[in-house]
Amino acid sequence: MHCKETVWLAFVLTMLLGRALVAQGDGWPRWTPDRLERATVKDENGKLQWAKWAPAEKCRTCTGTGKTVCKVCERFLEDAENCPDCHRKDKHETVCRTCLGTGSMPDPLEAVQCPGCRGGGYMPCTTCSGGGQLRSEGAKRWSDCPSCRGEGGFLCEACGGKRTVATAKLKPSLAEAESKDLEKALEATDTALAAISKFESHGKQTRKESKELGTLTKDAEKYFPPLKDANKQLKSYMGKIFAGSQYLGHEEDEAEAMNLYKAGVEYFLKHQKRMIELSLERAKANEKAAEADKDA
């Protein structure tokens, strides 16, 4: 049986910038999507325009620095030779996933955490829990993990390591789209959310489950191209995790990988749903005002 440390740390944070936070399976608190807000102001013609983005205060997870202590190294201390997050740099600092390195809350109309890596820039290796090393029962020496080959994780192919992706693809943009287009996008988002929320891997038929997981949000890819990239990555990611199937407990590792992936996609969709709803409210208000002007 391979040795593993505790996989993810639990955080208990309830409020940040006046919004409740929610953990996402990787120990990092994030803003609760359905509580996101985006202010508007009336222009001289009585139309609602998006206010300039100005976060109320600094990120409380990193106190505004955009950096925090690496959680992979925090688990393994000096035992791991490699780290997929901080790369074993001095002080073991890495980008804060709550604020995605901005030191505050990034403008939710312009960017959202990657659905594939959940803003980490890399996909964690669940076979070794990110440590890169495994030791079989009875073995005296540690060896490189067969899944990640000692790296502890894999560069996220969905965002290329950038941690964030573009928001919903609408014309001319999510912020300025017409209500009819926003309503269609909202319907597609709700359908995808309903499908992904029902999924849960229990480690019994993981290869079959991984194929199913990659199809659940396919119809929403029209509005969210990052989902297409993430679903494409899922296939290669799980192929690497399956390389650890010779170890006892591999089913749990495979299930964990899929459930973490699900959590990222689900958060992405909830975030985008909220921003579509806010954009729809603004679009309807402006369309109503335009009709009133015609009748005047």
C-alpha atoms as a PDB file:
ATOM      1  CA  MET A   1       0.000   0.000   0.000  1.00  0.00           C
ATOM      2  CA  HIS A   2       1.443   3.378  -0.867  1.00  0.00           C
ATOM      3  CA  CYS A   3       1.966   5.923   1.873  1.00  0.00           C
ATOM      4  CA  LYS A   4       0.066   9.191   1.673  1.00  0.00           C
ATOM      5  CA  GLU A   5      -0.207  12.229   3.848  1.00  0.00           C
ATOM      6  CA  THR A   6      -3.553  13.960   4.462  1.00  0.00           C
ATOM      7  CA  VAL A   7      -4.710  14.992   1.006  1.00  0.00           C
ATOM      8  CA  TRP A   8      -6.172  18.448   1.449  1.00  0.00           C
ATOM      9  CA  LEU A   9      -6.324  20.868   4.339  1.00  0.00           C
ATOM     10  CA  ALA A  10      -9.683  22.194   5.523  1.00  0.00           C
ATOM     11  CA  PHE A  11     -10.213  25.901   5.916  1.00  0.00           C
ATOM     12  CA  VAL A  12     -12.971  27.577   7.884  1.00  0.00           C
ATOM     13  CA  LEU A  13     -13.440  31.110   6.632  1.00  0.00           C
ATOM     14  CA  THR A  14     -16.883  32.626   6.494  1.00  0.00           C
ATOM     15  CA  MET A  15     -16.645  36.164   5.169  1.00  0.00           C
ATOM     16  CA  LEU A  16     -14.385  37.988   2.738  1.00  0.00           C
ATOM     17  CA  LEU A  17     -15.207  41.358   1.212  1.00  0.00           C
ATOM     18  CA  GLY A  18     -18.654  40.908   2.722  1.00  0.00           C
ATOM     19  CA  ARG A  19     -19.221  37.670   0.797  1.00  0.00           C
ATOM     20  CA  ALA A  20     -19.238  34.140   2.251  1.00  0.00           C
ATOM     21  CA  LEU A  21     -16.473  31.841   1.087  1.00  0.00           C
ATOM     22  CA  VAL A  22     -16.718  28.226   0.072  1.00  0.00           C
ATOM     23  CA  ALA A  23     -13.970  25.607   0.026  1.00  0.00           C
ATOM     24  CA  GLN A  24     -13.604  23.570  -3.151  1.00  0.00           C
ATOM     25  CA  GLY A  25     -11.939  20.353  -2.098  1.00  0.00           C
ATOM     26  CA  ASP A  26      -8.397  21.693  -2.366  1.00  0.00           C
ATOM     27  CA  GLY A  27      -8.365  23.691   0.876  1.00  0.00           C
ATOM     28  CA  TRP A  28      -8.611  27.118  -0.735  1.00  0.00           C
ATOM     29  CA  PRO A  29     -11.585  29.342   0.171  1.00  0.00           C
ATOM     30  CA  ARG A  30     -13.355  31.050  -2.720  1.00  0.00           C
ATOM     31  CA  TRP A  31     -16.184  33.533  -3.050  1.00  0.00           C
ATOM     32  CA  THR A  32     -19.615  31.932  -3.025  1.00  0.00           C
ATOM     33  CA  PRO A  33     -20.780  32.366  -6.636  1.00  0.00           C
ATOM     34  CA  ASP A  34     -24.422  33.208  -5.978  1.00  0.00           C
ATOM     35  CA  ARG A  35     -23.367  36.099  -3.730  1.00  0.00           C
ATOM     36  CA  LEU A  36     -21.193  37.816  -6.306  1.00  0.00           C
ATOM     37  CA  GLU A  37     -22.254  41.356  -7.153  1.00  0.00           C
ATOM     38  CA  ARG A  38     -21.300  43.805  -9.900  1.00  0.00           C
ATOM     39  CA  ALA A  39     -22.399  47.413  -9.504  1.00  0.00           C
ATOM     40  CA  THR A  40     -24.074  49.495 -12.221  1.00  0.00           C
ATOM     41  CA  VAL A  41     -24.570  53.249 -12.541  1.00  0.00           C
ATOM     42  CA  LYS A  42     -27.046  55.259 -14.609  1.00  0.00           C
ATOM     43  CA  ASP A  43     -25.636  57.382 -17.391  1.00  0.00           C
ATOM     44  CA  GLU A  44     -27.038  60.727 -18.538  1.00  0.00           C
ATOM     45  CA  ASN A  45     -29.584  58.919 -20.681  1.00  0.00           C
ATOM     46  CA  GLY A  46     -30.877  56.830 -17.815  1.00  0.00           C
ATOM     47  CA  LYS A  47     -29.250  53.632 -19.082  1.00  0.00           C
ATOM     48  CA  LEU A  48     -27.395  51.293 -16.734  1.00  0.00           C
ATOM     49  CA  GLN A  49     -23.655  51.061 -17.304  1.00  0.00           C
ATOM     50  CA  TRP A  50     -21.217  48.849 -15.467  1.00  0.00           C
ATOM     51  CA  ALA A  51     -19.423  50.742 -12.734  1.00  0.00           C
ATOM     52  CA  LYS A  52     -15.641  50.747 -12.711  1.00  0.00           C
ATOM     53  CA  TRP A  53     -14.458  47.699 -10.834  1.00  0.00           C
ATOM     54  CA  ALA A  54     -13.156  48.609  -7.394  1.00  0.00           C
ATOM     55  CA  PRO A  55     -12.827  45.814  -4.791  1.00  0.00           C
ATOM     56  CA  ALA A  56     -13.878  46.900  -1.320  1.00  0.00           C
ATOM     57  CA  GLU A  57     -10.827  45.564   0.518  1.00  0.00           C
ATOM     58  CA  LYS A  58      -7.800  43.304   0.314  1.00  0.00           C
ATOM     59  CA  CYS A  59      -8.019  39.543   0.087  1.00  0.00           C
ATOM     60  CA  ARG A  60      -8.033  38.208   3.627  1.00  0.00           C
ATOM     61  CA  THR A  61      -6.494  34.884   2.671  1.00  0.00           C
ATOM     62  CA  CYS A  62      -3.235  36.508   1.543  1.00  0.00           C
ATOM     63  CA  THR A  63      -3.765  39.969   3.146  1.00  0.00           C
ATOM     64  CA  GLY A  64      -3.454  41.579  -0.255  1.00  0.00           C
ATOM     65  CA  THR A  65      -0.044  40.194  -1.229  1.00  0.00           C
ATOM     66  CA  GLY A  66      -1.407  37.754  -3.809  1.00  0.00           C
ATOM     67  CA  LYS A  67       0.829  35.047  -2.330  1.00  0.00           C
ATOM     68  CA  THR A  68       0.466  32.409   0.371  1.00  0.00           C
ATOM     69  CA  VAL A  69       2.381  29.455   1.754  1.00  0.00           C
ATOM     70  CA  CYS A  70       2.342  26.462  -0.597  1.00  0.00           C
ATOM     71  CA  LYS A  71      -0.050  23.805   0.675  1.00  0.00           C
ATOM     72  CA  VAL A  72       1.767  20.960  -1.067  1.00  0.00           C
ATOM     73  CA  CYS A  73       5.006  21.784   0.730  1.00  0.00           C
ATOM     74  CA  GLU A  74       3.063  22.397   3.923  1.00  0.00           C
ATOM     75  CA  ARG A  75       1.899  18.779   3.791  1.00  0.00           C
ATOM     76  CA  PHE A  76       5.202  17.200   2.852  1.00  0.00           C
ATOM     77  CA  LEU A  77       7.598  19.668   4.488  1.00  0.00           C
ATOM     78  CA  GLU A  78      11.068  18.760   3.210  1.00  0.00           C
ATOM     79  CA  ASP A  79      10.233  15.209   2.116  1.00  0.00           C
ATOM     80  CA  ALA A  80       9.228  16.041  -1.448  1.00  0.00           C
ATOM     81  CA  GLU A  81      11.927  16.829  -3.998  1.00  0.00           C
ATOM     82  CA  ASN A  82       9.538  18.531  -6.426  1.00  0.00           C
ATOM     83  CA  CYS A  83       6.428  20.657  -6.026  1.00  0.00           C
ATOM     84  CA  PRO A  84       3.894  21.329  -8.815  1.00  0.00           C
ATOM     85  CA  ASP A  85       2.777  24.561  -7.129  1.00  0.00           C
ATOM     86  CA  CYS A  86       5.718  26.578  -5.768  1.00  0.00           C
ATOM     87  CA  HIS A  87       8.425  24.475  -7.476  1.00  0.00           C
ATOM     88  CA  ARG A  88      10.310  24.434  -4.162  1.00  0.00           C
ATOM     89  CA  LYS A  89      11.196  28.110  -4.354  1.00  0.00           C
ATOM     90  CA  ASP A  90      12.494  30.046  -1.351  1.00  0.00           C
ATOM     91  CA  LYS A  91       9.901  30.485   1.405  1.00  0.00           C
ATOM     92  CA  HIS A  92       7.629  28.036  -0.452  1.00  0.00           C
ATOM     93  CA  GLU A  93       5.304  30.828  -1.550  1.00  0.00           C
ATOM     94  CA  THR A  94       2.696  30.374  -4.253  1.00  0.00           C
ATOM     95  CA  VAL A  95      -0.139  32.315  -5.864  1.00  0.00           C
ATOM     96  CA  CYS A  96      -3.226  32.767  -3.674  1.00  0.00           C
ATOM     97  CA  ARG A  97      -6.141  30.933  -5.238  1.00  0.00           C
ATOM     98  CA  THR A  98      -8.774  32.972  -3.435  1.00  0.00           C
ATOM     99  CA  CYS A  99      -7.837  36.152  -5.311  1.00  0.00           C
ATOM    100  CA  LEU A 100      -5.895  34.403  -8.104  1.00  0.00           C
ATOM    101  CA  GLY A 101      -2.848  36.477  -7.281  1.00  0.00           C
ATOM    102  CA  THR A 102      -4.498  39.887  -7.591  1.00  0.00           C
ATOM    103  CA  GLY A 103      -4.470  40.686  -3.872  1.00  0.00           C
ATOM    104  CA  SER A 104      -8.184  41.467  -3.968  1.00  0.00           C
ATOM    105  CA  MET A 105     -11.164  40.154  -5.845  1.00  0.00           C
ATOM    106  CA  PRO A 106     -10.673  40.022  -9.651  1.00  0.00           C
ATOM    107  CA  ASP A 107     -13.407  41.557 -11.810  1.00  0.00           C
ATOM    108  CA  PRO A 108     -15.893  38.675 -12.265  1.00  0.00           C
ATOM    109  CA  LEU A 109     -17.090  40.120 -15.579  1.00  0.00           C
ATOM    110  CA  GLU A 110     -13.675  39.694 -17.135  1.00  0.00           C
ATOM    111  CA  ALA A 111     -12.088  36.580 -15.662  1.00  0.00           C
ATOM    112  CA  VAL A 112     -12.979  33.401 -13.825  1.00  0.00           C
ATOM    113  CA  GLN A 113     -10.858  30.629 -12.371  1.00  0.00           C
ATOM    114  CA  CYS A 114     -10.052  27.826 -14.786  1.00  0.00           C
ATOM    115  CA  PRO A 115     -12.603  24.988 -14.560  1.00  0.00           C
ATOM    116  CA  GLY A 116      -9.870  22.420 -15.079  1.00  0.00           C
ATOM    117  CA  CYS A 117      -7.273  23.338 -12.444  1.00  0.00           C
ATOM    118  CA  ARG A 118      -9.488  25.506 -10.195  1.00  0.00           C
ATOM    119  CA  GLY A 119      -7.052  28.381 -10.481  1.00  0.00           C
ATOM    120  CA  GLY A 120      -3.975  26.375  -9.558  1.00  0.00           C
ATOM    121  CA  GLY A 121      -2.300  26.386 -12.953  1.00  0.00           C
ATOM    122  CA  TYR A 122      -1.693  22.668 -12.633  1.00  0.00           C
ATOM    123  CA  MET A 123      -3.646  19.449 -12.139  1.00  0.00           C
ATOM    124  CA  PRO A 124      -2.748  17.658  -8.883  1.00  0.00           C
ATOM    125  CA  CYS A 125      -1.558  14.078  -8.959  1.00  0.00           C
ATOM    126  CA  THR A 126      -3.905  12.222  -6.638  1.00  0.00           C
ATOM    127  CA  THR A 127      -1.859   9.031  -6.872  1.00  0.00           C
ATOM    128  CA  CYS A 128       0.876  10.557  -4.691  1.00  0.00           C
ATOM    129  CA  SER A 129      -1.139  13.490  -3.272  1.00  0.00           C
ATOM    130  CA  GLY A 130       1.318  15.891  -4.891  1.00  0.00           C
ATOM    131  CA  GLY A 131       4.463  14.583  -3.190  1.00  0.00           C
ATOM    132  CA  GLY A 132       5.812  12.918  -6.306  1.00  0.00           C
ATOM    133  CA  GLN A 133       7.071   9.880  -4.362  1.00  0.00           C
ATOM    134  CA  LEU A 134       5.535   6.539  -3.384  1.00  0.00           C
ATOM    135  CA  ARG A 135       6.702   3.583  -1.363  1.00  0.00           C
ATOM    136  CA  SER A 136       5.176   0.136  -1.733  1.00  0.00           C
ATOM    137  CA  GLU A 137       4.456  -1.946   1.331  1.00  0.00           C
ATOM    138  CA  GLY A 138       7.677  -3.575   2.490  1.00  0.00           C
ATOM    139  CA  ALA A 139       9.892  -1.402   0.301  1.00  0.00           C
ATOM    140  CA  LYS A 140      12.795   0.416   1.954  1.00  0.00           C
ATOM    141  CA  ARG A 141      13.157   3.189  -0.597  1.00  0.00           C
ATOM    142  CA  TRP A 142      10.808   5.717  -2.126  1.00  0.00           C
ATOM    143  CA  SER A 143      10.366   5.814  -5.893  1.00  0.00           C
ATOM    144  CA  ASP A 144       8.928   8.284  -8.382  1.00  0.00           C
ATOM    145  CA  CYS A 145       5.160   8.194  -8.719  1.00  0.00           C
ATOM    146  CA  PRO A 146       4.229   6.324 -11.947  1.00  0.00           C
ATOM    147  CA  SER A 147       1.441   8.811 -12.683  1.00  0.00           C
ATOM    148  CA  CYS A 148       3.324  12.121 -12.479  1.00  0.00           C
ATOM    149  CA  ARG A 149       6.863  10.691 -12.661  1.00  0.00           C
ATOM    150  CA  GLY A 150       7.968  12.530  -9.573  1.00  0.00           C
ATOM    151  CA  GLU A 151       6.554  15.947 -10.483  1.00  0.00           C
ATOM    152  CA  GLY A 152       3.535  15.913  -8.147  1.00  0.00           C
ATOM    153  CA  GLY A 153       1.184  17.255 -10.815  1.00  0.00           C
ATOM    154  CA  PHE A 154       0.678  18.272 -14.422  1.00  0.00           C
ATOM    155  CA  LEU A 155       0.575  21.655 -16.151  1.00  0.00           C
ATOM    156  CA  CYS A 156      -3.053  22.579 -16.800  1.00  0.00           C
ATOM    157  CA  GLU A 157      -3.720  22.272 -20.516  1.00  0.00           C
ATOM    158  CA  ALA A 158      -7.045  24.099 -20.271  1.00  0.00           C
ATOM    159  CA  CYS A 159      -5.525  27.445 -19.227  1.00  0.00           C
ATOM    160  CA  GLY A 160      -1.864  26.827 -20.024  1.00  0.00           C
ATOM    161  CA  GLY A 161      -0.958  27.532 -16.415  1.00  0.00           C
ATOM    162  CA  LYS A 162      -2.504  31.014 -16.457  1.00  0.00           C
ATOM    163  CA  ARG A 163      -5.044  30.070 -13.740  1.00  0.00           C
ATOM    164  CA  THR A 164      -7.903  32.097 -15.233  1.00  0.00           C
ATOM    165  CA  VAL A 165      -9.979  31.789 -18.394  1.00  0.00           C
ATOM    166  CA  ALA A 166     -12.354  34.033 -20.323  1.00  0.00           C
ATOM    167  CA  THR A 167     -15.960  34.479 -19.283  1.00  0.00           C
ATOM    168  CA  ALA A 168     -19.006  33.360 -21.312  1.00  0.00           C
ATOM    169  CA  LYS A 169     -18.709  33.776 -25.071  1.00  0.00           C
ATOM    170  CA  LEU A 170     -21.512  36.091 -26.161  1.00  0.00           C
ATOM    171  CA  LYS A 171     -21.812  38.884 -28.716  1.00  0.00           C
ATOM    172  CA  PRO A 172     -20.516  41.478 -28.277  1.00  0.00           C
ATOM    173  CA  SER A 173     -19.541  40.260 -24.783  1.00  0.00           C
ATOM    174  CA  LEU A 174     -20.987  38.861 -21.591  1.00  0.00           C
ATOM    175  CA  ALA A 175     -21.209  42.383 -20.201  1.00  0.00           C
ATOM    176  CA  GLU A 176     -23.033  43.871 -23.215  1.00  0.00           C
ATOM    177  CA  ALA A 177     -25.087  40.985 -24.651  1.00  0.00           C
ATOM    178  CA  GLU A 178     -28.799  41.290 -25.402  1.00  0.00           C
ATOM    179  CA  SER A 179     -31.331  39.686 -23.071  1.00  0.00           C
ATOM    180  CA  LYS A 180     -32.432  37.034 -25.594  1.00  0.00           C
ATOM    181  CA  ASP A 181     -28.881  35.762 -25.940  1.00  0.00           C
ATOM    182  CA  LEU A 182     -28.278  35.881 -22.213  1.00  0.00           C
ATOM    183  CA  GLU A 183     -31.445  33.874 -21.575  1.00  0.00           C
ATOM    184  CA  LYS A 184     -30.265  31.117 -23.930  1.00  0.00           C
ATOM    185  CA  ALA A 185     -26.865  31.061 -22.234  1.00  0.00           C
ATOM    186  CA  LEU A 186     -28.532  30.875 -18.830  1.00  0.00           C
ATOM    187  CA  GLU A 187     -30.651  27.914 -19.913  1.00  0.00           C
ATOM    188  CA  ALA A 188     -27.574  26.065 -21.181  1.00  0.00           C
ATOM    189  CA  THR A 189     -25.746  26.830 -17.934  1.00  0.00           C
ATOM    190  CA  ASP A 190     -28.604  25.515 -15.799  1.00  0.00           C
ATOM    191  CA  THR A 191     -28.743  22.306 -17.830  1.00  0.00           C
ATOM    192  CA  ALA A 192     -25.009  21.734 -17.474  1.00  0.00           C
ATOM    193  CA  LEU A 193     -25.122  22.475 -13.754  1.00  0.00           C
ATOM    194  CA  ALA A 194     -27.949  20.023 -13.196  1.00  0.00           C
ATOM    195  CA  ALA A 195     -25.971  17.303 -14.955  1.00  0.00           C
ATOM    196  CA  ILE A 196     -22.598  17.917 -13.278  1.00  0.00           C
ATOM    197  CA  SER A 197     -24.082  18.294  -9.793  1.00  0.00           C
ATOM    198  CA  LYS A 198     -25.479  14.748  -9.912  1.00  0.00           C
ATOM    199  CA  PHE A 199     -22.109  13.208 -10.701  1.00  0.00           C
ATOM    200  CA  GLU A 200     -20.064  11.614  -7.942  1.00  0.00           C
ATOM    201  CA  SER A 201     -17.391   8.989  -8.328  1.00  0.00           C
ATOM    202  CA  HIS A 202     -17.208   6.244  -5.715  1.00  0.00           C
ATOM    203  CA  GLY A 203     -14.189   4.507  -7.211  1.00  0.00           C
ATOM    204  CA  LYS A 204     -16.003   1.426  -8.497  1.00  0.00           C
ATOM    205  CA  GLN A 205     -16.064   1.892 -12.279  1.00  0.00           C
ATOM    206  CA  THR A 206     -13.654   4.775 -12.650  1.00  0.00           C
ATOM    207  CA  ARG A 207     -12.795   4.365 -16.315  1.00  0.00           C
ATOM    208  CA  LYS A 208     -16.459   4.363 -17.259  1.00  0.00           C
ATOM    209  CA  GLU A 209     -17.116   7.274 -14.901  1.00  0.00           C
ATOM    210  CA  SER A 210     -14.333   9.390 -16.393  1.00  0.00           C
ATOM    211  CA  LYS A 211     -15.830   9.027 -19.863  1.00  0.00           C
ATOM    212  CA  GLU A 212     -19.246  10.016 -18.535  1.00  0.00           C
ATOM    213  CA  LEU A 213     -17.853  13.034 -16.689  1.00  0.00           C
ATOM    214  CA  GLY A 214     -16.327  14.435 -19.865  1.00  0.00           C
ATOM    215  CA  THR A 215     -19.712  14.503 -21.632  1.00  0.00           C
ATOM    216  CA  LEU A 216     -21.911  16.118 -18.975  1.00  0.00           C
ATOM    217  CA  THR A 217     -21.257  19.726 -19.975  1.00  0.00           C
ATOM    218  CA  LYS A 218     -20.735  19.234 -23.699  1.00  0.00           C
ATOM    219  CA  ASP A 219     -23.853  21.183 -24.697  1.00  0.00           C
ATOM    220  CA  ALA A 220     -22.609  24.219 -22.752  1.00  0.00           C
ATOM    221  CA  GLU A 221     -19.285  24.369 -24.619  1.00  0.00           C
ATOM    222  CA  LYS A 222     -20.880  26.700 -27.180  1.00  0.00           C
ATOM    223  CA  TYR A 223     -21.012  29.420 -24.548  1.00  0.00           C
ATOM    224  CA  PHE A 224     -17.977  28.329 -22.552  1.00  0.00           C
ATOM    225  CA  PRO A 225     -15.008  27.328 -24.755  1.00  0.00           C
ATOM    226  CA  PRO A 226     -12.840  26.731 -21.635  1.00  0.00           C
ATOM    227  CA  LEU A 227     -15.114  23.788 -20.815  1.00  0.00           C
ATOM    228  CA  LYS A 228     -14.182  22.166 -24.105  1.00  0.00           C
ATOM    229  CA  ASP A 229     -10.504  22.549 -23.271  1.00  0.00           C
ATOM    230  CA  ALA A 230     -11.064  21.227 -19.748  1.00  0.00           C
ATOM    231  CA  ASN A 231     -13.026  18.197 -20.945  1.00  0.00           C
ATOM    232  CA  LYS A 232     -10.321  17.430 -23.488  1.00  0.00           C
ATOM    233  CA  GLN A 233      -7.733  17.638 -20.737  1.00  0.00           C
ATOM    234  CA  LEU A 234      -9.754  15.338 -18.480  1.00  0.00           C
ATOM    235  CA  LYS A 235      -9.098  12.405 -20.798  1.00  0.00           C
ATOM    236  CA  SER A 236      -5.320  12.810 -20.733  1.00  0.00           C
ATOM    237  CA  TYR A 237      -5.328  13.645 -17.022  1.00  0.00           C
ATOM    238  CA  MET A 238      -7.218  10.525 -16.027  1.00  0.00           C
ATOM    239  CA  GLY A 239      -5.007   8.457 -18.326  1.00  0.00           C
ATOM    240  CA  LYS A 240      -2.036   9.548 -16.217  1.00  0.00           C
ATOM    241  CA  ILE A 241      -3.841   8.868 -12.941  1.00  0.00           C
ATOM    242  CA  PHE A 242      -4.767   5.377 -14.175  1.00  0.00           C
ATOM    243  CA  ALA A 243      -1.025   4.684 -14.472  1.00  0.00           C
ATOM    244  CA  GLY A 244      -1.025   4.235 -10.695  1.00  0.00           C
ATOM    245  CA  SER A 245      -3.522   1.367 -10.809  1.00  0.00           C
ATOM    246  CA  GLN A 246      -0.949  -1.159  -9.559  1.00  0.00           C
ATOM    247  CA  TYR A 247      -1.109   0.370  -6.099  1.00  0.00           C
ATOM    248  CA  LEU A 248      -3.655  -0.573  -3.475  1.00  0.00           C
ATOM    249  CA  GLY A 249      -6.233   2.146  -3.026  1.00  0.00           C
ATOM    250  CA  HIS A 250      -5.921   3.390  -6.607  1.00  0.00           C
ATOM    251  CA  GLU A 251      -9.705   3.451  -7.001  1.00  0.00           C
ATOM    252  CA  GLU A 252      -9.957   6.112  -4.298  1.00  0.00           C
ATOM    253  CA  ASP A 253      -7.197   8.134  -5.965  1.00  0.00           C
ATOM    254  CA  GLU A 254      -9.035   7.973  -9.304  1.00  0.00           C
ATOM    255  CA  ALA A 255     -12.336   8.940  -7.695  1.00  0.00           C
ATOM    256  CA  GLU A 256     -10.665  11.855  -5.928  1.00  0.00           C
ATOM    257  CA  ALA A 257      -9.242  13.152  -9.203  1.00  0.00           C
ATOM    258  CA  MET A 258     -12.673  13.111 -10.836  1.00  0.00           C
ATOM    259  CA  ASN A 259     -14.449  14.670  -7.869  1.00  0.00           C
ATOM    260  CA  LEU A 260     -11.874  17.490  -7.730  1.00  0.00           C
ATOM    261  CA  TYR A 261     -12.376  18.060 -11.446  1.00  0.00           C
ATOM    262  CA  LYS A 262     -16.141  18.093 -10.953  1.00  0.00           C
ATOM    263  CA  ALA A 263     -15.774  20.686  -8.189  1.00  0.00           C
ATOM    264  CA  GLY A 264     -13.841  23.002 -10.508  1.00  0.00           C
ATOM    265  CA  VAL A 265     -16.350  22.739 -13.344  1.00  0.00           C
ATOM    266  CA  GLU A 266     -19.288  23.174 -10.989  1.00  0.00           C
ATOM    267  CA  TYR A 267     -17.801  26.309  -9.428  1.00  0.00           C
ATOM    268  CA  PHE A 268     -17.018  27.724 -12.879  1.00  0.00           C
ATOM    269  CA  LEU A 269     -20.608  27.210 -14.027  1.00  0.00           C
ATOM    270  CA  LYS A 270     -22.085  28.688 -10.840  1.00  0.00           C
ATOM    271  CA  HIS A 271     -19.824  31.719 -11.169  1.00  0.00           C
ATOM    272  CA  GLN A 272     -20.822  32.218 -14.779  1.00  0.00           C
ATOM    273  CA  LYS A 273     -24.494  31.688 -14.028  1.00  0.00           C
ATOM    274  CA  ARG A 274     -24.396  34.519 -11.510  1.00  0.00           C
ATOM    275  CA  MET A 275     -22.675  36.877 -13.930  1.00  0.00           C
ATOM    276  CA  ILE A 276     -25.153  35.991 -16.697  1.00  0.00           C
ATOM    277  CA  GLU A 277     -28.002  36.732 -14.285  1.00  0.00           C
ATOM    278  CA  LEU A 278     -26.546  40.136 -13.410  1.00  0.00           C
ATOM    279  CA  SER A 279     -25.939  40.933 -17.074  1.00  0.00           C
ATOM    280  CA  LEU A 280     -29.495  39.845 -17.884  1.00  0.00           C
ATOM    281  CA  GLU A 281     -30.949  42.157 -15.230  1.00  0.00           C
ATOM    282  CA  ARG A 282     -29.040  45.080 -16.707  1.00  0.00           C
ATOM    283  CA  ALA A 283     -29.926  44.187 -20.295  1.00  0.00           C
ATOM    284  CA  LYS A 284     -33.640  43.913 -19.517  1.00  0.00           C
ATOM    285  CA  ALA A 285     -33.628  47.215 -17.643  1.00  0.00           C
ATOM    286  CA  ASN A 286     -31.957  48.987 -20.548  1.00  0.00           C
ATOM    287  CA  GLU A 287     -34.223  47.372 -23.128  1.00  0.00           C
ATOM    288  CA  LYS A 288     -37.251  48.431 -21.101  1.00  0.00           C
ATOM    289  CA  ALA A 289     -35.896  51.978 -20.892  1.00  0.00           C
ATOM    290  CA  ALA A 290     -35.320  51.999 -24.659  1.00  0.00           C
ATOM    291  CA  GLU A 291     -38.923  50.971 -25.283  1.00  0.00           C
ATOM    292  CA  ALA A 292     -40.148  53.686 -22.975  1.00  0.00           C
ATOM    293  CA  ASP A 293     -38.115  56.264 -24.919  1.00  0.00           C
ATOM    294  CA  LYS A 294     -39.780  55.136 -28.150  1.00  0.00           C
ATOM    295  CA  ASP A 295     -43.230  55.543 -26.667  1.00  0.00           C
ATOM    296  CA  ALA A 296     -42.462  58.969 -25.241  1.00  0.00           C
END
